[in-house]
Amino acid sequence: MIEEVLVTARSNPKIDPSLGIWSWEVPMYLFLGGLTAGIMCFAALIILLRKEDQAPWAAKKMAIWAPVLLTVGMGALFLDLEHKLYVYRFYTTFQISSPMSWGSWILLLVYPVSILLVLCSIRDAYPRIGGVIERFSAGRWITAFACYHRQQVATWSLVLGVFLGFYTGILLSAFSARPFWNTGFLAPLFLISGLSSAAALVVLGTRSQAERMMFTKYDIGLISLELALIALLLVNLATGTGVQLDALKNVMGGEFTTRFWLYFVFIGLLIPVVLNYREISGRRTWAFLSPVLVLYGGYMLRLVTVEAGQVSTWTRYTQSFDPVLLDLLR
C-alpha cells in the first residue's frame, strides 16, 4: 500500500514542498533599488570627474529619478509585507548580522543624500521645480547647502550607491538555505546590472549624441562584465555540492531555462550588445530598442533569480522519498 502511495505521489508535478512566498513585488523592488544605485553612482561620478559638459543629462537631470524610483520600489516592497503596520520596527533596532537590518538603515541614508544630489543641480535642470522650492526659506537654505557641498554630496552618493547596489544581491545571497542564491557572485552581479540599467536610462533620456555614444560604450562594457559574472556564477554552482547542482538544473534544463537563457541572457543582454555595437559603428538602428531591452533584462535577472532561488533547497526530496529505497528496508 505504501509503495503505491509513494509511486503515485512521486509522479505528480510540484509534489515536493518549496518556498514560494515572494512574487513580483520583491523582484521589482530589487530591480528599482539596483537602478537607483546605478543612477546615484553615475551622477556622482560625472560630477567628481568634472565631466558635466560631456554628460549634461547624467550630471543634472538623471539624479531626480533616484528618489522617485526608490520610492516606487519601496512601495512594491511594502505591498509584500504581511504585517504592514509593523514596518517601523525595522528602525527600532540594528542587527549587525541581518542583511535586512543593514538594508533598512542604508535606505534611510540613501533618501536624504539622493535628494541633496538632486538639489545640487535643480536650478539648471528643472528651473520650475527649483523655483517652487526656493519660495520657502528652508528650500533656499537646503539648496544653497547642497550646491556649496556638491563634491561631498557626490562622494557620499557614490559610496551609498555602491552599498545599495551590493545590498540588493547580499539580501538574497545571505539565505544559505537556498543554494541558488548562496553565492558570492550575486552581489557584484546585481551592482553591475544596476549600473548597466542606469546607463540605458541615460541613453533613453539624453538629447546629446555625444552623451548617448559615451553611455552606449559604457553599457557594452558593463554588459560584457555582467555576462562574465553570470558565467562565473554558473561555474560556481556546477562545481559545488549535489544540492548546488540541483539548483543549477533549474536554469539548465529545468522550469526556468527558457526565462533565463531566452528572456534574460539573449533578449536582455546579447541583443542589446549587438545593437550597441551597430550604434557606435555608425549603422542606423532603433536607438530606443537597446536601452529598453537592457532595462527589461535587468528586471528579468531579478525575477528569475528570486523564483529559481525559492524552489532550490538543501533537502533532496527525490532521494529521501524514492520508493526504490523501500526495498532496502525489507
Protein backbone atom coordinates (compact mmCIF):
# COMPACT_ATOMS: atom_id res chain seq x y z
CA MET A 1 0.00 0.00 0.00
CA ILE A 2 2.72 2.48 0.97
CA GLU A 3 4.59 1.67 -2.26
CA GLU A 4 1.52 2.64 -4.29
CA VAL A 5 1.12 5.93 -2.41
CA LEU A 6 4.77 6.89 -2.85
CA VAL A 7 4.91 5.93 -6.52
CA THR A 8 1.72 7.88 -7.25
CA ALA A 9 2.91 10.91 -5.24
CA ARG A 10 6.34 10.97 -6.86
CA SER A 11 4.78 11.05 -10.33
CA ASN A 12 2.79 14.23 -9.62
CA PRO A 13 4.42 17.54 -10.53
CA LYS A 14 5.18 20.02 -7.74
CA ILE A 15 4.56 17.40 -5.06
CA ASP A 16 7.78 18.36 -3.28
CA PRO A 17 7.45 21.31 -0.90
CA SER A 18 9.09 24.58 -1.91
CA LEU A 19 9.30 28.19 -0.72
CA GLY A 20 7.03 30.45 -2.75
CA ILE A 21 6.21 33.46 -0.62
CA TRP A 22 7.77 36.15 -2.83
CA SER A 23 6.02 37.20 -6.02
CA TRP A 24 6.58 40.17 -8.38
CA GLU A 25 6.93 42.75 -5.60
CA VAL A 26 10.36 41.63 -4.42
CA PRO A 27 11.95 41.37 -7.92
CA MET A 28 10.53 44.82 -8.72
CA TYR A 29 11.98 46.25 -5.52
CA LEU A 30 15.38 44.67 -6.24
CA PHE A 31 15.34 45.99 -9.81
CA LEU A 32 14.38 49.55 -8.89
CA GLY A 33 16.82 49.51 -5.98
CA GLY A 34 19.62 48.44 -8.31
CA LEU A 35 18.62 51.06 -10.88
CA THR A 36 18.62 53.72 -8.15
CA ALA A 37 22.10 52.63 -7.12
CA GLY A 38 23.30 52.91 -10.72
CA ILE A 39 21.78 56.39 -11.09
CA MET A 40 23.46 57.64 -7.91
CA CYS A 41 26.82 56.17 -8.93
CA PHE A 42 26.83 57.60 -12.45
CA ALA A 43 25.50 61.04 -11.45
CA ALA A 44 28.14 61.24 -8.72
CA LEU A 45 30.99 60.03 -10.94
CA ILE A 46 30.20 62.60 -13.63
CA ILE A 47 30.35 65.35 -11.01
CA LEU A 48 33.51 64.06 -9.33
CA LEU A 49 35.31 63.59 -12.67
CA ARG A 50 34.11 67.03 -13.80
CA LYS A 51 32.50 65.71 -17.00
CA GLU A 52 29.30 67.74 -16.77
CA ASP A 53 29.89 69.23 -20.22
CA GLN A 54 30.25 65.78 -21.79
CA ALA A 55 27.31 64.24 -19.94
CA PRO A 56 24.87 67.04 -19.01
CA TRP A 57 21.77 64.81 -18.63
CA ALA A 58 23.55 62.31 -16.38
CA ALA A 59 25.09 65.07 -14.26
CA LYS A 60 21.97 67.18 -13.81
CA LYS A 61 18.66 65.67 -14.86
CA MET A 62 19.12 61.98 -14.10
CA ALA A 63 19.53 62.37 -10.34
CA ILE A 64 15.87 63.23 -9.79
CA TRP A 65 14.91 59.69 -10.83
CA ALA A 66 16.80 58.15 -7.89
CA PRO A 67 14.38 59.07 -5.06
CA VAL A 68 11.38 58.65 -7.38
CA LEU A 69 12.26 55.10 -8.49
CA LEU A 70 13.37 54.10 -4.99
CA THR A 71 10.01 55.25 -3.61
CA VAL A 72 8.18 53.13 -6.19
CA GLY A 73 10.39 50.17 -5.27
CA MET A 74 9.73 50.68 -1.57
CA GLY A 75 6.03 50.81 -2.37
CA ALA A 76 6.29 47.40 -4.05
CA LEU A 77 8.16 46.05 -1.03
CA PHE A 78 5.52 47.48 1.30
CA LEU A 79 2.84 45.57 -0.64
CA ASP A 80 4.78 42.37 0.03
CA LEU A 81 4.84 42.86 3.80
CA GLU A 82 2.47 40.62 5.70
CA HIS A 83 2.13 43.00 8.68
CA LYS A 84 2.35 46.41 7.04
CA LEU A 85 1.71 48.42 10.21
CA TYR A 86 4.83 46.98 11.83
CA VAL A 87 7.27 48.32 9.22
CA TYR A 88 8.56 50.89 11.74
CA ARG A 89 10.13 48.08 13.76
CA PHE A 90 12.99 47.88 11.27
CA TYR A 91 14.19 51.16 12.78
CA THR A 92 13.83 50.28 16.44
CA THR A 93 16.96 48.11 16.36
CA PHE A 94 20.09 47.35 14.38
CA GLN A 95 21.05 43.70 13.91
CA ILE A 96 24.62 43.56 12.65
CA SER A 97 24.22 40.01 11.29
CA SER A 98 20.98 40.76 9.41
CA PRO A 99 21.19 41.94 5.76
CA MET A 100 17.64 43.27 6.03
CA SER A 101 18.60 45.40 9.01
CA TRP A 102 21.63 46.76 7.14
CA GLY A 103 19.45 47.45 4.10
CA SER A 104 16.84 49.30 6.12
CA TRP A 105 19.40 51.70 7.56
CA ILE A 106 21.20 52.12 4.22
CA LEU A 107 17.90 53.12 2.63
CA LEU A 108 17.34 55.62 5.42
CA LEU A 109 20.65 57.28 4.45
CA VAL A 110 20.10 56.97 0.70
CA TYR A 111 16.97 59.13 0.69
CA PRO A 112 18.46 62.39 2.06
CA VAL A 113 21.69 62.03 0.07
CA SER A 114 19.83 61.34 -3.16
CA ILE A 115 17.63 64.40 -2.56
CA LEU A 116 20.70 66.55 -1.89
CA LEU A 117 22.16 65.26 -5.15
CA VAL A 118 19.02 66.43 -6.94
CA LEU A 119 19.19 69.86 -5.30
CA CYS A 120 22.80 70.29 -6.47
CA SER A 121 21.56 70.99 -9.99
CA ILE A 122 17.83 71.63 -9.56
CA ARG A 123 18.15 75.27 -10.65
CA ASP A 124 19.61 74.37 -14.05
CA ALA A 125 17.95 71.01 -14.62
CA TYR A 126 14.40 71.76 -13.51
CA PRO A 127 14.07 75.54 -13.03
CA ARG A 128 10.31 75.39 -12.39
CA ILE A 129 10.68 72.85 -9.59
CA GLY A 130 13.67 74.76 -8.27
CA GLY A 131 11.65 77.97 -8.28
CA VAL A 132 8.91 76.37 -6.20
CA ILE A 133 11.45 75.01 -3.69
CA GLU A 134 13.20 78.36 -3.32
CA ARG A 135 9.97 80.16 -2.49
CA PHE A 136 10.48 78.87 1.03
CA SER A 137 13.40 79.92 3.20
CA ALA A 138 14.13 76.31 4.18
CA GLY A 139 14.16 75.36 0.49
CA ARG A 140 16.61 78.16 -0.35
CA TRP A 141 18.86 77.15 2.52
CA ILE A 142 18.97 73.43 1.71
CA THR A 143 19.52 74.13 -1.99
CA ALA A 144 22.40 76.50 -1.22
CA PHE A 145 23.84 73.94 1.19
CA ALA A 146 23.71 71.19 -1.45
CA CYS A 147 25.30 73.39 -4.13
CA TYR A 148 28.08 74.55 -1.81
CA HIS A 149 28.92 70.97 -0.74
CA ARG A 150 28.40 69.46 -4.20
CA GLN A 151 31.61 67.41 -4.22
CA GLN A 152 30.95 65.96 -0.77
CA VAL A 153 27.35 65.14 -1.72
CA ALA A 154 28.60 63.38 -4.85
CA THR A 155 31.14 61.40 -2.83
CA TRP A 156 28.52 60.18 -0.37
CA SER A 157 26.16 59.44 -3.24
CA LEU A 158 28.79 57.23 -4.86
CA VAL A 159 29.53 55.37 -1.61
CA LEU A 160 25.86 54.79 -0.76
CA GLY A 161 25.07 53.88 -4.38
CA VAL A 162 27.67 51.11 -4.28
CA PHE A 163 26.38 49.91 -0.90
CA LEU A 164 22.79 49.91 -2.17
CA GLY A 165 23.74 48.02 -5.34
CA PHE A 166 25.63 45.37 -3.37
CA TYR A 167 22.88 45.10 -0.76
CA THR A 168 20.24 44.07 -3.31
CA GLY A 169 22.35 40.99 -4.05
CA ILE A 170 23.51 40.32 -0.49
CA LEU A 171 19.86 40.30 0.62
CA LEU A 172 19.44 37.06 -1.34
CA SER A 173 22.91 35.52 -1.08
CA ALA A 174 22.73 35.57 2.72
CA PHE A 175 19.99 32.91 2.58
CA SER A 176 22.29 29.92 2.99
CA ALA A 177 19.31 27.53 2.88
CA ARG A 178 18.72 28.45 -0.79
CA PRO A 179 21.73 27.13 -2.80
CA PHE A 180 20.82 29.06 -5.97
CA TRP A 181 21.18 32.32 -4.01
CA ASN A 182 24.03 31.33 -1.73
CA THR A 183 26.95 32.55 -3.88
CA GLY A 184 29.36 35.44 -3.61
CA PHE A 185 28.80 36.41 -7.25
CA LEU A 186 25.22 37.59 -6.76
CA ALA A 187 26.06 40.92 -5.08
CA PRO A 188 28.54 42.17 -7.75
CA LEU A 189 26.22 40.85 -10.48
CA PHE A 190 23.31 42.91 -9.16
CA LEU A 191 25.53 46.00 -8.82
CA ILE A 192 26.82 45.74 -12.39
CA SER A 193 23.28 45.09 -13.65
CA GLY A 194 22.09 48.23 -11.84
CA LEU A 195 24.87 50.29 -13.43
CA SER A 196 24.01 48.87 -16.85
CA SER A 197 20.34 49.77 -16.37
CA ALA A 198 21.30 53.31 -15.33
CA ALA A 199 23.48 53.67 -18.43
CA ALA A 200 20.50 52.56 -20.53
CA LEU A 201 18.36 55.19 -18.81
CA VAL A 202 20.85 57.89 -19.83
CA VAL A 203 20.71 56.70 -23.45
CA LEU A 204 16.92 56.98 -23.35
CA GLY A 205 16.84 60.36 -21.64
CA THR A 206 19.63 62.42 -23.19
CA ARG A 207 19.34 64.55 -26.32
CA SER A 208 23.10 64.80 -26.71
CA GLN A 209 24.54 62.47 -29.34
CA ALA A 210 27.96 62.58 -27.67
CA GLU A 211 26.49 61.61 -24.30
CA ARG A 212 24.45 58.85 -25.91
CA MET A 213 27.56 57.40 -27.55
CA MET A 214 29.51 57.66 -24.28
CA PHE A 215 26.97 55.71 -22.27
CA THR A 216 26.36 53.24 -25.09
CA LYS A 217 30.05 52.35 -24.85
CA TYR A 218 29.81 52.17 -21.07
CA ASP A 219 26.86 49.80 -21.39
CA ILE A 220 28.77 47.49 -23.74
CA GLY A 221 31.49 47.14 -21.13
CA LEU A 222 29.03 46.65 -18.28
CA ILE A 223 27.01 44.02 -20.16
CA SER A 224 30.24 42.19 -21.01
CA LEU A 225 31.20 42.21 -17.34
CA GLU A 226 27.69 41.06 -16.44
CA LEU A 227 27.99 38.10 -18.83
CA ALA A 228 31.32 37.18 -17.25
CA LEU A 229 29.80 37.25 -13.75
CA ILE A 230 26.89 35.10 -14.91
CA ALA A 231 29.35 32.57 -16.30
CA LEU A 232 31.26 32.55 -13.01
CA LEU A 233 28.04 32.12 -11.04
CA LEU A 234 27.03 29.12 -13.16
CA VAL A 235 30.51 27.58 -12.88
CA ASN A 236 30.38 28.11 -9.13
CA LEU A 237 27.13 26.16 -8.94
CA ALA A 238 28.34 23.50 -11.39
CA THR A 239 31.44 22.77 -9.28
CA GLY A 240 29.57 22.74 -5.97
CA THR A 241 27.79 20.10 -3.94
CA GLY A 242 24.89 17.95 -5.04
CA VAL A 243 22.28 20.46 -3.89
CA GLN A 244 24.02 23.21 -5.84
CA LEU A 245 23.97 21.01 -8.93
CA ASP A 246 20.25 20.50 -8.36
CA ALA A 247 19.82 24.28 -8.08
CA LEU A 248 21.72 24.75 -11.34
CA LYS A 249 19.31 22.40 -13.10
CA ASN A 250 16.58 25.00 -12.62
CA VAL A 251 18.19 27.07 -15.40
CA MET A 252 19.92 24.23 -17.24
CA GLY A 253 17.02 22.16 -18.47
CA GLY A 254 14.59 22.92 -15.65
CA GLU A 255 11.48 25.08 -15.50
CA PHE A 256 13.39 28.40 -15.58
CA THR A 257 15.65 27.56 -18.52
CA THR A 258 13.65 29.47 -21.14
CA ARG A 259 13.21 32.51 -18.95
CA PHE A 260 16.89 32.60 -18.03
CA TRP A 261 18.55 31.95 -21.39
CA LEU A 262 15.98 33.37 -23.83
CA TYR A 263 14.24 36.19 -21.95
CA PHE A 264 17.20 37.33 -19.84
CA VAL A 265 20.52 36.39 -21.48
CA PHE A 266 19.54 36.50 -25.16
CA ILE A 267 16.92 39.27 -25.24
CA GLY A 268 18.14 41.29 -22.24
CA LEU A 269 21.92 41.10 -22.82
CA LEU A 270 23.11 39.69 -26.14
CA ILE A 271 20.71 41.56 -28.43
CA PRO A 272 21.48 44.93 -26.74
CA VAL A 273 25.22 44.30 -27.14
CA VAL A 274 24.78 43.70 -30.87
CA LEU A 275 22.56 46.77 -31.24
CA ASN A 276 25.03 48.89 -29.25
CA TYR A 277 27.93 47.81 -31.47
CA ARG A 278 25.91 48.75 -34.53
CA GLU A 279 25.12 52.11 -32.95
CA ILE A 280 28.73 53.08 -32.19
CA SER A 281 29.89 51.84 -35.61
CA GLY A 282 27.58 54.35 -37.26
CA ARG A 283 24.97 51.93 -38.58
CA ARG A 284 21.39 53.07 -38.34
CA THR A 285 19.32 51.15 -35.82
CA TRP A 286 16.41 51.64 -33.44
CA ALA A 287 18.13 53.86 -30.88
CA PHE A 288 15.50 53.26 -28.20
CA LEU A 289 15.32 49.47 -28.52
CA SER A 290 18.65 48.55 -26.95
CA PRO A 291 18.22 50.53 -23.68
CA VAL A 292 14.64 49.29 -23.34
CA LEU A 293 15.84 45.69 -23.65
CA VAL A 294 18.62 46.36 -21.11
CA LEU A 295 16.05 47.60 -18.59
CA TYR A 296 13.87 44.57 -19.36
CA GLY A 297 16.87 42.28 -18.86
CA GLY A 298 17.67 43.92 -15.52
CA TYR A 299 14.19 43.10 -14.26
CA MET A 300 14.27 39.57 -15.68
CA LEU A 301 17.55 38.88 -13.86
CA ARG A 302 15.88 39.65 -10.53
CA LEU A 303 12.66 37.83 -11.41
CA VAL A 304 14.35 34.60 -12.49
CA THR A 305 16.82 34.71 -9.59
CA VAL A 306 14.08 35.19 -7.00
CA GLU A 307 11.83 32.49 -8.47
CA ALA A 308 14.57 29.92 -9.10
CA GLY A 309 16.06 30.52 -5.67
CA GLN A 310 12.78 29.91 -3.90
CA VAL A 311 12.44 26.40 -5.34
CA SER A 312 16.07 25.45 -4.70
CA THR A 313 16.63 23.62 -1.43
CA TRP A 314 19.18 21.66 0.58
CA THR A 315 16.74 18.76 1.03
CA ARG A 316 16.77 16.30 -1.86
CA TYR A 317 13.20 15.03 -1.74
CA THR A 318 13.58 12.74 -4.74
CA GLN A 319 16.23 10.82 -2.82
CA SER A 320 14.51 10.97 0.57
CA PHE A 321 11.24 9.54 -0.74
CA ASP A 322 12.43 7.34 -3.57
CA PRO A 323 10.17 4.24 -3.44
CA VAL A 324 13.09 2.10 -4.62
CA LEU A 325 14.69 2.66 -1.23
CA LEU A 326 11.80 0.75 0.37
CA ASP A 327 13.33 -2.47 -0.91
CA LEU A 328 16.29 -1.83 1.38
CA LEU A 329 14.01 -1.77 4.41
CA ARG A 330 12.58 -5.24 3.84
